[in-house]
Amino acid sequence: MECYAGYRGEEAPRRFYLGDREIEVTEVLDRWQGLEHRYFKVRGDDGGIYILRHDTESQAWDLTMYDSGKVDDIRLSST
């Protein structure tokens, strides 16, 4: 996982890996804070929408949701 710390010092994902596949984050669509995790809804350079979870204590990242965008009828909203 590669991140960028913005002007407020908050990290946001820029690139992540699924196995040996590299996904470049083209847009952060949303972000929110949980009790022990931060969440990012991002669009990848493959057109997919991902929700990534960051554990603020262990600094570990997890993929919690993926939408390939291949079936328009069930595609998640981009906002």
N, C-alpha and C. Protein backbone atom coordinates (compact mmCIF):
# COMPACT_ATOMS: atom_id res chain seq x y z
N MET A 1 0.85 -1.16 0.00
CA MET A 1 0.00 0.00 0.00
C MET A 1 0.89 1.23 0.00
N GLU A 2 0.63 2.13 -0.90
CA GLU A 2 1.31 3.42 -0.91
C GLU A 2 0.29 4.48 -0.58
N CYS A 3 0.70 5.43 0.27
CA CYS A 3 -0.22 6.47 0.72
C CYS A 3 0.39 7.84 0.51
N TYR A 4 -0.49 8.83 0.57
CA TYR A 4 -0.09 10.22 0.48
C TYR A 4 -0.63 10.94 1.71
N ALA A 5 0.21 11.67 2.40
CA ALA A 5 -0.23 12.48 3.53
C ALA A 5 -0.51 13.88 3.02
N GLY A 6 -1.76 14.30 3.09
CA GLY A 6 -2.17 15.61 2.61
C GLY A 6 -1.72 16.72 3.54
N TYR A 7 -2.25 17.90 3.29
CA TYR A 7 -1.82 19.07 4.05
C TYR A 7 -2.18 18.96 5.53
N ARG A 8 -3.18 18.14 5.88
CA ARG A 8 -3.52 17.95 7.29
C ARG A 8 -2.80 16.75 7.89
N GLY A 9 -1.98 16.07 7.11
CA GLY A 9 -1.23 14.93 7.60
C GLY A 9 -1.98 13.62 7.58
N GLU A 10 -3.22 13.63 7.08
CA GLU A 10 -4.01 12.40 7.00
C GLU A 10 -3.59 11.61 5.78
N GLU A 11 -3.33 10.33 5.99
CA GLU A 11 -2.93 9.47 4.88
C GLU A 11 -4.14 9.07 4.05
N ALA A 12 -3.95 9.04 2.75
CA ALA A 12 -4.96 8.54 1.83
C ALA A 12 -4.26 7.58 0.87
N PRO A 13 -4.92 6.48 0.51
CA PRO A 13 -4.28 5.50 -0.37
C PRO A 13 -4.06 6.06 -1.78
N ARG A 14 -2.91 5.75 -2.36
CA ARG A 14 -2.60 6.15 -3.73
C ARG A 14 -2.46 4.95 -4.65
N ARG A 15 -2.04 3.82 -4.09
CA ARG A 15 -1.79 2.61 -4.87
C ARG A 15 -1.87 1.42 -3.91
N PHE A 16 -2.44 0.32 -4.39
CA PHE A 16 -2.46 -0.89 -3.58
C PHE A 16 -2.34 -2.09 -4.50
N TYR A 17 -2.15 -3.24 -3.92
CA TYR A 17 -1.89 -4.45 -4.67
C TYR A 17 -2.89 -5.54 -4.30
N LEU A 18 -3.41 -6.21 -5.31
CA LEU A 18 -4.24 -7.40 -5.13
C LEU A 18 -3.45 -8.55 -5.72
N GLY A 19 -2.84 -9.33 -4.85
CA GLY A 19 -1.90 -10.34 -5.33
C GLY A 19 -0.74 -9.62 -5.98
N ASP A 20 -0.46 -9.94 -7.24
CA ASP A 20 0.63 -9.25 -7.95
C ASP A 20 0.09 -8.15 -8.86
N ARG A 21 -1.19 -7.87 -8.78
CA ARG A 21 -1.82 -6.82 -9.60
C ARG A 21 -1.76 -5.47 -8.89
N GLU A 22 -1.21 -4.46 -9.55
CA GLU A 22 -1.12 -3.12 -8.99
C GLU A 22 -2.34 -2.31 -9.40
N ILE A 23 -2.99 -1.66 -8.43
CA ILE A 23 -4.14 -0.80 -8.68
C ILE A 23 -3.76 0.62 -8.27
N GLU A 24 -3.82 1.54 -9.21
CA GLU A 24 -3.56 2.95 -8.96
C GLU A 24 -4.88 3.60 -8.57
N VAL A 25 -4.90 4.34 -7.47
CA VAL A 25 -6.10 5.06 -7.06
C VAL A 25 -6.20 6.32 -7.90
N THR A 26 -7.29 6.43 -8.66
CA THR A 26 -7.48 7.62 -9.51
C THR A 26 -8.33 8.68 -8.82
N GLU A 27 -9.12 8.24 -7.82
CA GLU A 27 -10.00 9.20 -7.14
C GLU A 27 -10.41 8.63 -5.78
N VAL A 28 -10.37 9.47 -4.76
CA VAL A 28 -10.95 9.12 -3.46
C VAL A 28 -12.37 9.64 -3.49
N LEU A 29 -13.35 8.73 -3.49
CA LEU A 29 -14.75 9.10 -3.61
C LEU A 29 -15.37 9.48 -2.27
N ASP A 30 -14.91 8.86 -1.20
CA ASP A 30 -15.45 9.13 0.12
C ASP A 30 -14.46 8.62 1.15
N ARG A 31 -14.58 9.11 2.35
CA ARG A 31 -13.77 8.63 3.48
C ARG A 31 -14.56 8.86 4.75
N TRP A 32 -14.38 7.96 5.71
CA TRP A 32 -15.04 8.12 6.99
C TRP A 32 -14.25 7.41 8.06
N GLN A 33 -14.54 7.79 9.31
CA GLN A 33 -13.81 7.30 10.47
C GLN A 33 -14.71 6.40 11.29
N GLY A 34 -14.21 5.22 11.65
CA GLY A 34 -14.89 4.35 12.61
C GLY A 34 -14.18 4.45 13.94
N LEU A 35 -14.53 3.59 14.89
CA LEU A 35 -13.88 3.64 16.20
C LEU A 35 -12.40 3.27 16.13
N GLU A 36 -12.07 2.21 15.39
CA GLU A 36 -10.68 1.75 15.32
C GLU A 36 -10.15 1.72 13.90
N HIS A 37 -10.96 2.13 12.94
CA HIS A 37 -10.57 2.05 11.53
C HIS A 37 -10.94 3.33 10.80
N ARG A 38 -10.21 3.60 9.74
CA ARG A 38 -10.57 4.63 8.78
C ARG A 38 -10.91 3.92 7.49
N TYR A 39 -11.90 4.41 6.78
CA TYR A 39 -12.37 3.78 5.55
C TYR A 39 -12.22 4.75 4.39
N PHE A 40 -11.88 4.19 3.22
CA PHE A 40 -11.73 4.97 2.00
C PHE A 40 -12.48 4.27 0.87
N LYS A 41 -13.36 4.97 0.22
CA LYS A 41 -14.02 4.47 -0.98
C LYS A 41 -13.28 5.11 -2.15
N VAL A 42 -12.64 4.28 -2.97
CA VAL A 42 -11.78 4.79 -4.03
C VAL A 42 -12.14 4.17 -5.38
N ARG A 43 -11.77 4.88 -6.44
CA ARG A 43 -11.87 4.34 -7.79
C ARG A 43 -10.47 3.98 -8.24
N GLY A 44 -10.31 2.77 -8.77
CA GLY A 44 -9.02 2.32 -9.28
C GLY A 44 -8.87 2.62 -10.76
N ASP A 45 -7.64 2.54 -11.25
CA ASP A 45 -7.38 2.80 -12.66
C ASP A 45 -7.97 1.72 -13.56
N ASP A 46 -8.51 0.64 -12.98
CA ASP A 46 -9.19 -0.40 -13.74
C ASP A 46 -10.70 -0.14 -13.83
N GLY A 47 -11.17 1.00 -13.27
CA GLY A 47 -12.58 1.35 -13.29
C GLY A 47 -13.36 0.79 -12.11
N GLY A 48 -12.74 -0.07 -11.31
CA GLY A 48 -13.41 -0.65 -10.15
C GLY A 48 -13.52 0.33 -9.01
N ILE A 49 -14.49 0.07 -8.13
CA ILE A 49 -14.66 0.84 -6.92
C ILE A 49 -14.33 -0.08 -5.75
N TYR A 50 -13.51 0.42 -4.84
CA TYR A 50 -13.01 -0.36 -3.72
C TYR A 50 -13.29 0.38 -2.42
N ILE A 51 -13.56 -0.38 -1.37
CA ILE A 51 -13.57 0.19 -0.03
C ILE A 51 -12.41 -0.44 0.72
N LEU A 52 -11.50 0.42 1.15
CA LEU A 52 -10.29 0.00 1.86
C LEU A 52 -10.41 0.42 3.32
N ARG A 53 -10.01 -0.47 4.21
CA ARG A 53 -10.08 -0.19 5.65
C ARG A 53 -8.66 -0.13 6.21
N HIS A 54 -8.40 0.91 6.96
CA HIS A 54 -7.09 1.11 7.58
C HIS A 54 -7.24 0.99 9.09
N ASP A 55 -6.54 0.01 9.68
CA ASP A 55 -6.53 -0.17 11.13
C ASP A 55 -5.54 0.84 11.70
N THR A 56 -6.04 1.80 12.46
CA THR A 56 -5.19 2.89 12.94
C THR A 56 -4.19 2.45 14.00
N GLU A 57 -4.47 1.32 14.67
CA GLU A 57 -3.52 0.84 15.68
C GLU A 57 -2.40 0.01 15.05
N SER A 58 -2.76 -0.98 14.24
CA SER A 58 -1.74 -1.86 13.66
C SER A 58 -1.17 -1.33 12.34
N GLN A 59 -1.81 -0.32 11.77
CA GLN A 59 -1.42 0.26 10.48
C GLN A 59 -1.66 -0.70 9.31
N ALA A 60 -2.45 -1.76 9.53
CA ALA A 60 -2.76 -2.73 8.47
C ALA A 60 -3.90 -2.20 7.60
N TRP A 61 -3.88 -2.59 6.33
CA TRP A 61 -4.93 -2.24 5.37
C TRP A 61 -5.65 -3.51 4.93
N ASP A 62 -6.97 -3.39 4.73
CA ASP A 62 -7.78 -4.51 4.24
C ASP A 62 -8.71 -4.01 3.14
N LEU A 63 -8.97 -4.88 2.18
CA LEU A 63 -10.00 -4.62 1.18
C LEU A 63 -11.31 -5.16 1.74
N THR A 64 -12.32 -4.30 1.90
CA THR A 64 -13.59 -4.75 2.48
C THR A 64 -14.69 -4.87 1.44
N MET A 65 -14.53 -4.27 0.26
CA MET A 65 -15.54 -4.35 -0.78
C MET A 65 -14.92 -4.03 -2.12
N TYR A 66 -15.42 -4.69 -3.17
CA TYR A 66 -14.95 -4.44 -4.53
C TYR A 66 -16.14 -4.51 -5.47
N ASP A 67 -16.26 -3.54 -6.35
CA ASP A 67 -17.27 -3.53 -7.40
C ASP A 67 -16.54 -3.32 -8.72
N SER A 68 -16.59 -4.30 -9.61
CA SER A 68 -15.85 -4.24 -10.86
C SER A 68 -16.43 -3.25 -11.85
N GLY A 69 -17.70 -2.91 -11.68
CA GLY A 69 -18.34 -2.00 -12.62
C GLY A 69 -18.77 -2.68 -13.91
N LYS A 70 -18.69 -3.99 -13.95
CA LYS A 70 -19.02 -4.73 -15.17
C LYS A 70 -20.53 -4.87 -15.38
N VAL A 71 -21.32 -4.86 -14.31
CA VAL A 71 -22.77 -4.99 -14.41
C VAL A 71 -23.39 -3.69 -13.93
N ASP A 72 -23.85 -2.86 -14.85
CA ASP A 72 -24.36 -1.53 -14.52
C ASP A 72 -25.57 -1.55 -13.60
N ASP A 73 -26.41 -2.58 -13.68
CA ASP A 73 -27.63 -2.62 -12.88
C ASP A 73 -27.37 -2.69 -11.38
N ILE A 74 -26.23 -3.22 -10.98
CA ILE A 74 -25.96 -3.37 -9.55
C ILE A 74 -24.74 -2.58 -9.10
N ARG A 75 -24.26 -1.70 -9.94
CA ARG A 75 -23.06 -0.92 -9.62
C ARG A 75 -23.33 0.00 -8.42
N LEU A 76 -22.36 0.09 -7.54
CA LEU A 76 -22.47 0.99 -6.40
C LEU A 76 -22.40 2.43 -6.89
N SER A 77 -23.07 3.28 -6.21
CA SER A 77 -23.02 4.70 -6.53
C SER A 77 -21.59 5.21 -6.36
N SER A 78 -21.19 6.13 -7.21
CA SER A 78 -19.83 6.68 -7.11
C SER A 78 -19.75 7.81 -6.10
N THR A 79 -20.82 8.10 -5.40
CA THR A 79 -20.79 9.13 -4.37
C THR A 79 -21.32 8.60 -3.07
